[in-house]
């Protein structure tokens, strides 16, 4: 699906207003044409890299803007811990500052809280996707959520675990521990009924963080919703099953809901949910080398706050991934 997508990444900053001086959102963009833009909001502690497989697939439909929020992915920590509301205001500022016309707003994990809070106050935004929404109010405790996270992580592929570890190291335990209580206390169940946007909700089969009954409840609370479950996937479903998630997102954007499907949870069949494509049984050394080098360059850029270096690293990594993907397709043909 992503064979014609762009691999060129540009990185820009959008400054916040009304909060600590110097606070900004880093925006990584691929593509500049298409029907509608996407805005991707990641979860607590992690980086826009969590969307690195999803973004090229979405780029077939429109430009994609993946966000790194303050305190995460090497973006400077503000002096004070930001609330979900303040993060939502920053996402809204990105949309306004970049003059994005009714983008499809996608949130994952804590990003679903940020997106929900924004949409509850922005009826002009008409289409949303919530992936692995949190937190189930019946399990609103750090201990319970830690157990759920570990249960879900058991089913995540190795590359997702690597992304998580590196992202948490960049975030740092101090900032993570300051934001975690904000996430735990946010009453998403109160904000969901205020969302007027047509909303697609996606969960993975093994996502213990967003259990099946809670996702059904999310659908019941939303005024206009459609729910899907992807077999074999866990909490980071948009990375491990990027093509399936992208297909659902694009179909949702193209076909507005005619009626609210409420808490009806549809499930992709195993035939519909193809297993993750392997780039090659014997990965090409050149692609592997370029991907690793790209990741290193990106990390250097994050540590030095050099956006041009970050963009180069992301572009090199994306080119290596695309090359490996195309070779894998050729081998399986």
Protein backbone atom coordinates (compact mmCIF):
# COMPACT_ATOMS: atom_id res chain seq x y z
CA UNK A 1 0.00 0.00 0.00
CA UNK A 2 2.86 2.38 0.74
CA UNK A 3 4.86 1.83 -2.42
CA UNK A 4 4.00 5.27 -3.82
CA UNK A 5 4.27 7.17 -0.55
CA UNK A 6 6.89 9.80 0.14
CA UNK A 7 10.02 9.01 2.14
CA UNK A 8 11.13 12.63 2.45
CA UNK A 9 10.53 13.92 5.98
CA UNK A 10 10.48 17.58 6.94
CA UNK A 11 10.62 18.70 10.56
CA UNK A 12 9.14 21.94 11.87
CA UNK A 13 8.32 23.42 15.26
CA UNK A 14 5.07 24.95 16.42
CA UNK A 15 5.40 27.13 19.49
CA UNK A 16 2.87 27.06 22.29
CA UNK A 17 1.15 30.09 23.75
CA UNK A 18 -0.04 30.65 27.30
CA UNK A 19 2.36 28.07 28.73
CA UNK A 20 6.03 27.96 29.64
CA UNK A 21 8.27 30.02 27.37
CA UNK A 22 10.05 27.97 24.73
CA UNK A 23 7.50 25.14 24.76
CA UNK A 24 6.98 23.69 21.31
CA UNK A 25 5.69 20.68 19.39
CA UNK A 26 7.97 18.98 16.87
CA UNK A 27 6.09 18.07 13.70
CA UNK A 28 7.45 15.47 11.27
CA UNK A 29 5.70 15.68 7.92
CA UNK A 30 5.64 13.41 4.87
CA UNK A 31 3.80 14.31 1.68
CA UNK A 32 2.30 17.60 0.56
CA UNK A 33 -0.68 16.56 -1.55
CA UNK A 34 -3.79 14.42 -1.23
CA UNK A 35 -7.39 14.61 -0.13
CA UNK A 36 -7.04 15.33 3.61
CA UNK A 37 -4.18 15.64 6.07
CA UNK A 38 -3.65 13.39 9.08
CA UNK A 39 -2.41 14.55 12.48
CA UNK A 40 -0.92 11.76 14.58
CA UNK A 41 -0.64 12.11 18.38
CA UNK A 42 1.42 9.48 20.26
CA UNK A 43 1.07 8.22 23.82
CA UNK A 44 2.91 8.93 27.05
CA UNK A 45 6.68 8.74 26.92
CA UNK A 46 6.95 7.73 23.27
CA UNK A 47 7.86 9.41 20.01
CA UNK A 48 6.31 9.96 16.62
CA UNK A 49 8.45 6.99 15.51
CA UNK A 50 5.63 4.78 16.79
CA UNK A 51 3.82 5.89 13.63
CA UNK A 52 6.74 5.24 11.26
CA UNK A 53 4.97 2.27 9.63
CA UNK A 54 1.51 3.81 9.66
CA UNK A 55 2.44 7.23 8.25
CA UNK A 56 3.68 6.05 4.80
CA UNK A 57 0.48 4.05 4.32
CA UNK A 58 -1.71 7.01 5.26
CA UNK A 59 0.36 9.22 2.97
CA UNK A 60 -1.31 7.52 -0.02
CA UNK A 61 -4.44 9.45 1.01
CA UNK A 62 -2.99 12.75 2.19
CA UNK A 63 -0.07 14.46 3.93
CA UNK A 64 0.81 13.13 7.37
CA UNK A 65 1.94 15.20 10.35
CA UNK A 66 3.27 13.12 13.26
CA UNK A 67 3.79 15.02 16.50
CA UNK A 68 6.39 14.87 19.26
CA UNK A 69 4.90 16.52 22.31
CA UNK A 70 6.84 18.58 24.88
CA UNK A 71 8.89 16.39 27.21
CA UNK A 72 8.96 13.40 24.85
CA UNK A 73 11.30 12.31 22.02
CA UNK A 74 14.00 14.77 23.00
CA UNK A 75 11.65 17.78 22.92
CA UNK A 76 12.58 20.07 25.81
CA UNK A 77 10.80 19.54 29.13
CA UNK A 78 8.69 22.55 30.15
CA UNK A 79 9.21 23.92 33.64
CA UNK A 80 5.85 22.55 34.74
CA UNK A 81 4.12 19.26 33.98
CA UNK A 82 1.50 19.72 31.29
CA UNK A 83 -2.07 18.57 31.74
CA UNK A 84 -4.01 16.65 29.08
CA UNK A 85 -5.86 19.91 28.37
CA UNK A 86 -2.63 21.80 27.72
CA UNK A 87 -1.36 19.04 25.43
CA UNK A 88 -4.69 19.19 23.59
CA UNK A 89 -4.37 22.96 23.19
CA UNK A 90 -0.92 22.44 21.67
CA UNK A 91 -2.31 19.95 19.13
CA UNK A 92 -5.02 22.46 18.27
CA UNK A 93 -2.37 25.11 17.77
CA UNK A 94 -0.48 22.83 15.38
CA UNK A 95 -3.65 22.41 13.31
CA UNK A 96 -4.32 26.16 13.24
CA UNK A 97 -0.72 27.30 12.77
CA UNK A 98 -0.16 24.89 9.88
CA UNK A 99 -3.55 25.83 8.42
CA UNK A 100 -4.71 22.23 8.18
CA UNK A 101 -8.26 22.06 6.86
CA UNK A 102 -10.31 19.59 8.93
CA UNK A 103 -7.55 16.98 9.32
CA UNK A 104 -8.21 13.41 10.41
CA UNK A 105 -6.95 13.51 14.00
CA UNK A 106 -5.47 10.22 15.23
CA UNK A 107 -4.49 9.49 18.83
CA UNK A 108 -2.85 6.44 20.37
CA UNK A 109 -2.95 5.52 24.08
CA UNK A 110 -2.57 8.78 26.07
CA UNK A 111 -2.87 10.47 22.69
CA UNK A 112 -6.52 9.36 22.66
CA UNK A 113 -7.09 11.47 25.78
CA UNK A 114 -5.43 14.46 24.14
CA UNK A 115 -7.44 14.04 20.95
CA UNK A 116 -10.72 13.48 22.82
CA UNK A 117 -10.26 16.61 24.93
CA UNK A 118 -9.50 18.65 21.80
CA UNK A 119 -12.43 17.28 19.81
CA UNK A 120 -14.86 17.84 22.68
CA UNK A 121 -14.11 21.57 22.27
CA UNK A 122 -13.61 21.72 18.49
CA UNK A 123 -16.77 20.78 16.52
CA UNK A 124 -15.02 21.99 13.36
CA UNK A 125 -12.91 18.81 13.43
CA UNK A 126 -15.17 16.16 11.93
CA UNK A 127 -13.13 12.94 11.74
CA UNK A 128 -11.09 11.14 14.40
CA UNK A 129 -9.39 7.83 15.12
CA UNK A 130 -8.73 6.55 18.66
CA UNK A 131 -6.27 3.64 18.85
CA UNK A 132 -6.09 1.78 22.16
CA UNK A 133 -8.08 4.39 24.16
CA UNK A 134 -7.20 4.85 27.83
CA UNK A 135 -7.98 4.65 30.70
CA UNK A 136 -10.69 2.20 31.66
CA UNK A 137 -12.23 4.00 34.68
CA UNK A 138 -12.74 0.67 36.43
CA UNK A 139 -8.97 0.19 36.45
CA UNK A 140 -7.76 3.71 37.20
CA UNK A 141 -4.74 2.81 39.31
CA UNK A 142 -1.04 2.82 38.46
CA UNK A 143 -0.57 -0.73 39.74
CA UNK A 144 -3.39 -2.14 37.64
CA UNK A 145 -2.29 -0.26 34.54
CA UNK A 146 1.30 -1.48 35.00
CA UNK A 147 0.03 -5.05 34.99
CA UNK A 148 -2.12 -4.37 31.91
CA UNK A 149 0.84 -2.78 30.12
CA UNK A 150 3.05 -5.81 30.79
CA UNK A 151 0.30 -8.18 29.65
CA UNK A 152 0.01 -6.29 26.40
CA UNK A 153 3.79 -5.86 25.95
CA UNK A 154 4.19 -9.65 25.99
CA UNK A 155 2.44 -9.76 22.61
CA UNK A 156 4.35 -6.84 21.04
CA UNK A 157 7.04 -7.56 18.41
CA UNK A 158 10.69 -6.92 19.25
CA UNK A 159 10.99 -3.72 17.22
CA UNK A 160 8.10 -2.14 19.15
CA UNK A 161 9.78 -3.03 22.44
CA UNK A 162 13.02 -1.47 21.19
CA UNK A 163 11.20 1.72 20.17
CA UNK A 164 9.55 1.87 23.59
CA UNK A 165 12.77 1.44 25.56
CA UNK A 166 14.66 4.09 23.56
CA UNK A 167 11.71 6.50 23.76
CA UNK A 168 11.37 6.13 27.53
CA UNK A 169 15.11 6.74 27.94
CA UNK A 170 14.80 9.99 25.96
CA UNK A 171 11.76 11.01 27.97
CA UNK A 172 13.43 10.23 31.30
CA UNK A 173 11.78 8.80 34.42
CA UNK A 174 11.34 12.21 36.06
CA UNK A 175 9.16 13.69 33.30
CA UNK A 176 7.31 10.40 32.78
CA UNK A 177 6.45 10.27 36.49
CA UNK A 178 5.20 13.86 36.36
CA UNK A 179 2.87 13.23 33.40
CA UNK A 180 1.64 9.79 34.46
CA UNK A 181 -0.70 11.15 37.20
CA UNK A 182 -2.22 13.56 34.65
CA UNK A 183 -3.01 10.62 32.37
CA UNK A 184 -4.34 8.50 35.22
CA UNK A 185 -6.73 11.20 36.42
CA UNK A 186 -8.09 12.37 33.08
CA UNK A 187 -11.82 11.43 32.92
CA UNK A 188 -12.05 10.48 29.26
CA UNK A 189 -15.48 8.95 29.87
CA UNK A 190 -16.83 12.48 30.57
CA UNK A 191 -15.31 13.98 27.43
CA UNK A 192 -16.33 11.27 24.94
CA UNK A 193 -20.06 12.21 24.84
CA UNK A 194 -19.08 15.77 23.84
CA UNK A 195 -17.18 14.63 20.73
CA UNK A 196 -19.17 15.45 17.59
CA UNK A 197 -16.66 14.00 15.13
CA UNK A 198 -17.24 10.68 13.39
CA UNK A 199 -14.86 8.51 15.39
CA UNK A 200 -13.18 5.23 14.49
CA UNK A 201 -11.95 3.24 17.49
CA UNK A 202 -9.36 0.49 16.97
CA UNK A 203 -7.96 -2.06 19.41
CA UNK A 204 -5.68 -5.06 19.09
CA UNK A 205 -6.88 -8.50 20.13
CA UNK A 206 -4.28 -8.70 22.92
CA UNK A 207 -4.51 -5.08 24.06
CA UNK A 208 -4.96 -5.50 27.81
CA UNK A 209 -4.55 -1.73 28.29
CA UNK A 210 -7.71 -1.13 26.23
CA UNK A 211 -9.78 -4.26 26.99
CA UNK A 212 -12.68 -5.29 24.77
CA UNK A 213 -15.50 -4.34 27.15
CA UNK A 214 -13.97 -0.91 27.77
CA UNK A 215 -13.67 -0.24 24.03
CA UNK A 216 -17.32 -1.20 23.61
CA UNK A 217 -18.14 1.31 26.36
CA UNK A 218 -16.12 3.97 24.50
CA UNK A 219 -18.31 3.31 21.46
CA UNK A 220 -21.46 3.66 23.54
CA UNK A 221 -20.27 6.98 24.97
CA UNK A 222 -19.32 8.49 21.63
CA UNK A 223 -22.24 10.05 19.72
CA UNK A 224 -20.94 8.76 16.36
CA UNK A 225 -18.58 5.78 16.39
CA UNK A 226 -17.38 2.69 14.57
CA UNK A 227 -15.30 0.04 16.39
CA UNK A 228 -12.78 -2.47 15.02
CA UNK A 229 -10.58 -5.14 16.56
CA UNK A 230 -7.52 -6.52 14.76
CA UNK A 231 -6.56 -10.14 15.53
CA UNK A 232 -2.99 -10.89 16.59
CA UNK A 233 -2.31 -7.27 17.56
CA UNK A 234 -1.62 -5.68 20.94
CA UNK A 235 -1.55 -2.08 22.22
CA UNK A 236 0.78 -0.77 19.49
CA UNK A 237 -1.47 -2.13 16.76
CA UNK A 238 -0.74 0.81 14.42
CA UNK A 239 2.94 -0.23 14.23
CA UNK A 240 2.73 -4.01 14.03
CA UNK A 241 -0.35 -3.96 11.76
CA UNK A 242 0.14 -0.66 9.99
CA UNK A 243 -1.44 -1.61 6.67
CA UNK A 244 -4.65 -2.86 8.26
CA UNK A 245 -4.93 0.20 10.51
CA UNK A 246 -4.22 2.57 7.61
CA UNK A 247 -6.85 0.87 5.47
CA UNK A 248 -9.46 1.28 8.22
CA UNK A 249 -8.46 4.92 8.75
CA UNK A 250 -8.69 5.80 5.05
CA UNK A 251 -12.02 4.00 4.63
CA UNK A 252 -13.32 5.88 7.67
CA UNK A 253 -12.19 9.21 6.23
CA UNK A 254 -13.75 8.43 2.84
CA UNK A 255 -17.07 7.12 4.19
CA UNK A 256 -18.60 9.28 6.93
CA UNK A 257 -20.83 7.37 9.33
CA UNK A 258 -24.47 7.22 8.28
CA UNK A 259 -25.50 6.25 11.79
CA UNK A 260 -23.90 5.61 15.16
CA UNK A 261 -22.84 1.98 15.47
CA UNK A 262 -22.55 2.39 19.24
CA UNK A 263 -20.83 -0.43 21.08
CA UNK A 264 -20.83 -2.91 18.20
CA UNK A 265 -17.26 -4.19 17.92
CA UNK A 266 -16.39 -5.50 14.48
CA UNK A 267 -13.47 -7.86 14.11
CA UNK A 268 -11.23 -8.31 11.10
CA UNK A 269 -10.87 -11.95 10.07
CA UNK A 270 -7.42 -13.51 10.02
CA UNK A 271 -7.59 -13.43 6.23
CA UNK A 272 -8.34 -9.71 6.26
CA UNK A 273 -5.66 -9.03 8.87
CA UNK A 274 -2.59 -10.23 7.04
CA UNK A 275 0.46 -11.07 9.11
CA UNK A 276 3.21 -8.47 9.24
CA UNK A 277 5.21 -8.49 6.07
CA UNK A 278 8.79 -9.47 6.49
CA UNK A 279 11.07 -7.31 4.45
CA UNK A 280 13.09 -10.38 3.52
CA UNK A 281 13.97 -13.74 4.97
CA UNK A 282 17.56 -12.58 4.65
CA UNK A 283 17.56 -8.77 5.17
CA UNK A 284 19.70 -6.78 2.79
CA UNK A 285 22.81 -5.56 4.61
CA UNK A 286 22.70 -2.21 2.84
CA UNK A 287 19.13 -1.52 3.96
CA UNK A 288 19.87 -2.60 7.52
CA UNK A 289 22.97 -0.42 7.66
CA UNK A 290 21.12 2.61 6.27
CA UNK A 291 18.20 2.12 8.68
CA UNK A 292 20.49 1.86 11.71
CA UNK A 293 22.54 4.84 10.55
CA UNK A 294 19.35 6.86 10.02
CA UNK A 295 18.18 6.08 13.52
CA UNK A 296 21.57 7.12 14.92
CA UNK A 297 21.52 10.42 12.99
CA UNK A 298 17.99 11.09 14.22
CA UNK A 299 19.03 10.43 17.83
CA UNK A 300 21.95 12.85 17.47
CA UNK A 301 19.55 15.45 16.13
CA UNK A 302 17.20 14.95 19.07
CA UNK A 303 20.00 15.26 21.62
CA UNK A 304 21.32 18.42 19.95
CA UNK A 305 17.85 19.80 19.13
CA UNK A 306 18.83 20.08 15.46
CA UNK A 307 15.68 19.67 13.38
CA UNK A 308 17.53 19.38 10.06
CA UNK A 309 19.56 16.47 11.40
CA UNK A 310 16.41 14.83 12.74
CA UNK A 311 14.75 15.20 9.34
CA UNK A 312 17.77 13.66 7.58
CA UNK A 313 17.84 10.70 9.95
CA UNK A 314 14.09 10.11 9.60
CA UNK A 315 14.32 10.35 5.79
CA UNK A 316 17.25 7.91 5.59
CA UNK A 317 15.43 5.46 7.85
CA UNK A 318 12.22 5.77 5.81
CA UNK A 319 14.09 5.16 2.56
CA UNK A 320 15.69 2.03 4.00
CA UNK A 321 12.33 0.74 5.23
CA UNK A 322 10.71 1.36 1.85
CA UNK A 323 13.54 -0.40 0.02
CA UNK A 324 13.32 -3.41 2.32
CA UNK A 325 9.54 -3.49 1.96
CA UNK A 326 9.72 -3.47 -1.84
CA UNK A 327 12.32 -6.26 -1.86
CA UNK A 328 10.13 -8.29 0.46
CA UNK A 329 7.17 -7.81 -1.90
CA UNK A 330 9.31 -8.90 -4.85
CA UNK A 331 10.42 -12.07 -3.04
CA UNK A 332 6.86 -13.02 -2.10
CA UNK A 333 5.48 -12.37 -5.61
